[in-house]
């Protein structure tokens, strides 16, 4: 019974995390070459970045900043489909933008990372069944994070992007459906959460419906000056927690 429960949770969480990774952002070098417009279609949005792509790649959290996490840069194949993202409700476009791409509004450059963590390890002693059970328990606590750091022309532009995100999330509290290529994801609830950090922060518990049942993910978006950092967290248990250690590390790196 325990094995079946863990497997169902892993399948459900993996379905959402895969969608996030495939829809994170577009462009061969990890930047976005176009973004979802406010009507839910495709549109090009550009602004002069406060920081360059190279600067953001140095500022976003790295392996050396995150003890116990595995950090990697998403592959182009994992990122390329985001520019096709569309929503069934126009007012949900900005929120969808953050869920599938990682930063709201007209950022000039974007860095993306994926982190994973599986707390615990296989015990040195015990029967094969005991070791397998310990591994399954560790899997239940595993989490995947999609992290993005966007740069804006000035603090006013970044602040407006946060305000637009808040309005969009409030308007779409009862959910919406997005489509990335031919893959549809139904979000059934957007509930406000709590996080304090940076110059301003927004947090939400996002519930998505999967073939294995509902999955709750945690979205935290933080503005620090002209930069906006987002962390979208999926847990193999199907119910995620805010990645407080990652958020703290990123804020510390931004200064």
Protein backbone atom coordinates (compact mmCIF):
# COMPACT_ATOMS: atom_id res chain seq x y z
CA UNK A 1 0.00 0.00 0.00
CA UNK A 2 2.79 2.43 0.90
CA UNK A 3 4.50 1.80 -2.43
CA UNK A 4 1.30 2.56 -4.36
CA UNK A 5 0.75 5.80 -2.45
CA UNK A 6 4.28 7.00 -3.13
CA UNK A 7 4.04 6.03 -6.78
CA UNK A 8 0.77 7.92 -7.29
CA UNK A 9 2.18 11.01 -5.62
CA UNK A 10 5.33 10.87 -7.71
CA UNK A 11 3.40 10.47 -10.95
CA UNK A 12 1.12 13.39 -10.14
CA UNK A 13 3.93 15.69 -9.11
CA UNK A 14 6.09 14.66 -12.04
CA UNK A 15 3.28 15.49 -14.48
CA UNK A 16 3.13 19.05 -13.19
CA UNK A 17 6.89 19.49 -12.90
CA UNK A 18 7.40 18.28 -16.46
CA UNK A 19 4.86 20.80 -17.70
CA UNK A 20 6.68 23.53 -15.81
CA UNK A 21 10.05 22.56 -17.22
CA UNK A 22 8.78 22.32 -20.78
CA UNK A 23 7.03 25.66 -20.45
CA UNK A 24 9.60 27.60 -18.46
CA UNK A 25 10.85 30.00 -21.13
CA UNK A 26 11.97 30.11 -24.74
CA UNK A 27 15.21 30.69 -26.61
CA UNK A 28 18.28 28.60 -27.32
CA UNK A 29 20.38 30.31 -24.64
CA UNK A 30 17.84 30.23 -21.81
CA UNK A 31 16.45 33.69 -22.56
CA UNK A 32 12.92 34.38 -23.74
CA UNK A 33 12.52 35.35 -27.37
CA UNK A 34 8.80 36.05 -26.98
CA UNK A 35 6.19 36.03 -24.24
CA UNK A 36 2.52 35.44 -23.70
CA UNK A 37 0.59 38.64 -24.31
CA UNK A 38 -2.26 39.84 -22.09
CA UNK A 39 -4.85 38.28 -24.38
CA UNK A 40 -3.35 34.84 -23.89
CA UNK A 41 -1.69 34.64 -27.33
CA UNK A 42 1.85 35.12 -28.47
CA UNK A 43 3.45 38.54 -28.55
CA UNK A 44 6.94 40.01 -28.46
CA UNK A 45 7.67 42.23 -25.46
CA UNK A 46 11.01 43.90 -25.04
CA UNK A 47 12.54 46.40 -22.67
CA UNK A 48 16.04 47.59 -21.95
CA UNK A 49 17.30 45.31 -19.18
CA UNK A 50 18.67 46.80 -15.99
CA UNK A 51 21.10 43.91 -16.04
CA UNK A 52 22.35 41.75 -18.87
CA UNK A 53 21.82 38.03 -19.35
CA UNK A 54 25.41 37.41 -18.31
CA UNK A 55 24.93 39.39 -15.10
CA UNK A 56 21.75 37.49 -14.24
CA UNK A 57 23.50 34.16 -14.79
CA UNK A 58 25.97 35.22 -12.10
CA UNK A 59 23.27 36.51 -9.75
CA UNK A 60 20.86 33.58 -9.80
CA UNK A 61 21.50 30.92 -7.16
CA UNK A 62 24.04 28.26 -8.10
CA UNK A 63 25.11 24.87 -6.77
CA UNK A 64 27.56 26.48 -4.34
CA UNK A 65 24.75 28.54 -2.80
CA UNK A 66 22.38 25.65 -2.08
CA UNK A 67 23.55 22.91 0.23
CA UNK A 68 21.65 19.68 -0.28
CA UNK A 69 20.16 20.69 -3.64
CA UNK A 70 21.07 19.64 -7.15
CA UNK A 71 21.10 22.64 -9.50
CA UNK A 72 21.07 22.63 -13.28
CA UNK A 73 20.26 24.94 -16.17
CA UNK A 74 17.21 23.69 -18.09
CA UNK A 75 18.03 22.37 -21.54
CA UNK A 76 16.77 24.22 -24.63
CA UNK A 77 14.56 21.21 -25.41
CA UNK A 78 12.89 21.65 -22.01
CA UNK A 79 12.31 25.35 -22.55
CA UNK A 80 11.36 25.79 -26.20
CA UNK A 81 7.59 25.30 -26.05
CA UNK A 82 6.75 28.10 -23.61
CA UNK A 83 6.10 30.67 -26.32
CA UNK A 84 3.01 28.72 -27.41
CA UNK A 85 1.38 29.02 -23.98
CA UNK A 86 -2.20 30.30 -24.04
CA UNK A 87 -4.99 30.70 -21.48
CA UNK A 88 -8.76 30.37 -21.62
CA UNK A 89 -9.32 33.57 -19.61
CA UNK A 90 -7.63 36.81 -20.65
CA UNK A 91 -7.40 38.09 -17.09
CA UNK A 92 -5.28 35.06 -16.15
CA UNK A 93 -2.57 35.75 -18.73
CA UNK A 94 -0.12 37.45 -16.34
CA UNK A 95 -0.45 34.71 -13.73
CA UNK A 96 -0.05 32.09 -16.43
CA UNK A 97 3.00 33.95 -17.66
CA UNK A 98 4.65 33.47 -14.27
CA UNK A 99 3.62 29.82 -13.98
CA UNK A 100 4.96 28.82 -17.39
CA UNK A 101 7.75 31.34 -17.97
CA UNK A 102 8.73 32.67 -14.57
CA UNK A 103 8.55 36.46 -14.65
CA UNK A 104 5.64 38.87 -15.17
CA UNK A 105 5.58 41.81 -17.52
CA UNK A 106 8.28 43.16 -19.81
CA UNK A 107 11.54 41.99 -18.31
CA UNK A 108 14.58 42.52 -20.49
CA UNK A 109 16.52 39.38 -19.61
CA UNK A 110 15.84 36.16 -17.74
CA UNK A 111 17.92 33.40 -16.13
CA UNK A 112 16.34 30.04 -15.28
CA UNK A 113 17.47 27.14 -13.11
CA UNK A 114 15.97 23.86 -11.95
CA UNK A 115 16.78 22.45 -8.54
CA UNK A 116 15.88 19.13 -6.98
CA UNK A 117 16.25 17.73 -3.50
CA UNK A 118 15.67 14.31 -1.95
CA UNK A 119 16.17 14.48 1.84
CA UNK A 120 17.49 11.38 3.58
CA UNK A 121 19.61 8.55 2.24
CA UNK A 122 19.60 4.78 2.07
CA UNK A 123 20.62 3.25 5.42
CA UNK A 124 23.91 1.37 5.53
CA UNK A 125 22.35 -1.60 7.30
CA UNK A 126 19.04 -3.43 7.16
CA UNK A 127 17.24 -5.82 4.89
CA UNK A 128 16.53 -5.10 1.26
CA UNK A 129 12.91 -4.38 2.13
CA UNK A 130 13.93 -1.97 4.88
CA UNK A 131 16.28 -0.14 2.52
CA UNK A 132 13.58 0.04 -0.15
CA UNK A 133 11.09 1.41 2.38
CA UNK A 134 13.60 4.06 3.49
CA UNK A 135 14.16 5.07 -0.14
CA UNK A 136 10.41 5.42 -0.69
CA UNK A 137 10.06 7.57 2.41
CA UNK A 138 12.84 9.82 1.11
CA UNK A 139 11.09 10.05 -2.25
CA UNK A 140 7.94 11.34 -0.56
CA UNK A 141 9.94 14.37 0.59
CA UNK A 142 11.60 15.02 -2.77
CA UNK A 143 10.92 18.38 -4.39
CA UNK A 144 11.61 20.14 -7.69
CA UNK A 145 11.93 23.90 -8.05
CA UNK A 146 11.81 26.02 -11.17
CA UNK A 147 13.67 29.25 -10.41
CA UNK A 148 13.84 32.37 -12.55
CA UNK A 149 15.47 35.77 -12.15
CA UNK A 150 14.25 38.58 -14.38
CA UNK A 151 15.76 42.03 -14.90
CA UNK A 152 13.64 45.14 -15.54
CA UNK A 153 14.37 48.57 -16.92
CA UNK A 154 13.76 50.24 -13.54
CA UNK A 155 12.11 49.68 -10.16
CA UNK A 156 8.85 51.23 -11.41
CA UNK A 157 8.62 48.70 -14.24
CA UNK A 158 9.33 45.85 -11.83
CA UNK A 159 6.78 47.21 -9.36
CA UNK A 160 4.12 47.44 -12.07
CA UNK A 161 4.83 43.84 -13.05
CA UNK A 162 4.21 42.75 -9.46
CA UNK A 163 0.97 44.77 -9.29
CA UNK A 164 -0.23 43.20 -12.54
CA UNK A 165 0.55 39.73 -11.19
CA UNK A 166 -1.39 40.39 -7.97
CA UNK A 167 -4.42 41.62 -9.92
CA UNK A 168 -4.30 38.63 -12.25
CA UNK A 169 -4.05 36.13 -9.39
CA UNK A 170 -6.99 37.75 -7.59
CA UNK A 171 -9.08 37.65 -10.75
CA UNK A 172 -8.28 33.98 -11.32
CA UNK A 173 -8.69 32.63 -7.79
CA UNK A 174 -11.20 30.06 -9.03
CA UNK A 175 -8.77 28.72 -11.62
CA UNK A 176 -8.18 28.59 -15.37
CA UNK A 177 -6.76 26.30 -18.04
CA UNK A 178 -3.55 26.83 -19.96
CA UNK A 179 -2.30 25.10 -23.07
CA UNK A 180 1.36 24.56 -23.93
CA UNK A 181 1.58 23.13 -27.47
CA UNK A 182 -1.16 20.46 -27.21
CA UNK A 183 -0.83 19.84 -23.47
CA UNK A 184 -3.57 21.30 -21.28
CA UNK A 185 -3.20 21.98 -17.55
CA UNK A 186 -6.27 22.80 -15.48
CA UNK A 187 -5.57 24.99 -12.46
CA UNK A 188 -8.54 24.77 -10.11
CA UNK A 189 -7.58 27.16 -7.32
CA UNK A 190 -5.16 30.03 -6.71
CA UNK A 191 -4.99 30.72 -2.96
CA UNK A 192 -2.93 33.63 -1.55
CA UNK A 193 -0.12 32.67 0.79
CA UNK A 194 2.35 34.53 2.94
CA UNK A 195 6.02 35.33 2.43
CA UNK A 196 8.01 38.37 3.52
CA UNK A 197 11.23 39.29 1.79
CA UNK A 198 12.85 41.74 -0.60
CA UNK A 199 11.09 45.01 -1.40
CA UNK A 200 7.78 43.23 -1.96
CA UNK A 201 6.64 39.64 -2.29
CA UNK A 202 3.65 37.61 -3.47
CA UNK A 203 2.95 33.99 -2.58
CA UNK A 204 0.31 31.54 -3.79
CA UNK A 205 -0.69 27.92 -3.37
CA UNK A 206 -1.65 26.74 -6.84
CA UNK A 207 -3.81 23.64 -7.21
CA UNK A 208 -3.67 21.76 -10.51
CA UNK A 209 -5.79 18.81 -11.57
CA UNK A 210 -3.95 15.76 -12.93
CA UNK A 211 -4.96 12.26 -13.91
CA UNK A 212 -3.71 11.15 -10.51
CA UNK A 213 -5.73 13.75 -8.61
CA UNK A 214 -5.10 17.31 -7.36
CA UNK A 215 -1.54 18.55 -6.91
CA UNK A 216 -0.65 21.62 -4.86
CA UNK A 217 2.41 23.65 -5.87
CA UNK A 218 3.86 26.72 -4.19
CA UNK A 219 4.65 29.91 -6.10
CA UNK A 220 6.67 32.71 -4.49
CA UNK A 221 7.57 35.86 -6.43
CA UNK A 222 9.88 38.47 -4.88
CA UNK A 223 10.99 41.87 -6.14
CA UNK A 224 14.34 43.31 -5.07
CA UNK A 225 14.98 46.62 -6.76
CA UNK A 226 14.88 46.09 -10.52
CA UNK A 227 14.92 42.28 -10.31
CA UNK A 228 12.09 39.80 -9.77
CA UNK A 229 12.84 36.29 -8.55
CA UNK A 230 10.29 33.48 -8.75
CA UNK A 231 10.30 30.00 -7.27
CA UNK A 232 7.69 27.45 -8.31
CA UNK A 233 7.90 24.29 -6.20
CA UNK A 234 6.52 20.82 -6.86
CA UNK A 235 6.70 18.00 -4.31
CA UNK A 236 6.57 14.31 -5.09
CA UNK A 237 4.02 14.03 -2.28
CA UNK A 238 1.61 16.19 -4.30
CA UNK A 239 1.69 18.96 -1.69
CA UNK A 240 4.65 21.33 -1.77
CA UNK A 241 6.17 23.74 0.73
CA UNK A 242 7.83 27.09 0.11
CA UNK A 243 11.59 26.63 -0.52
CA UNK A 244 12.65 29.00 2.25
CA UNK A 245 16.34 28.09 2.04
CA UNK A 246 16.42 28.85 -1.69
CA UNK A 247 14.58 32.14 -1.26
CA UNK A 248 16.94 33.20 1.51
CA UNK A 249 19.98 32.28 -0.55
CA UNK A 250 18.72 34.21 -3.56
CA UNK A 251 17.90 37.34 -1.59
CA UNK A 252 21.33 37.21 0.03
CA UNK A 253 22.94 36.97 -3.41
CA UNK A 254 20.96 39.95 -4.68
CA UNK A 255 22.30 41.98 -1.74
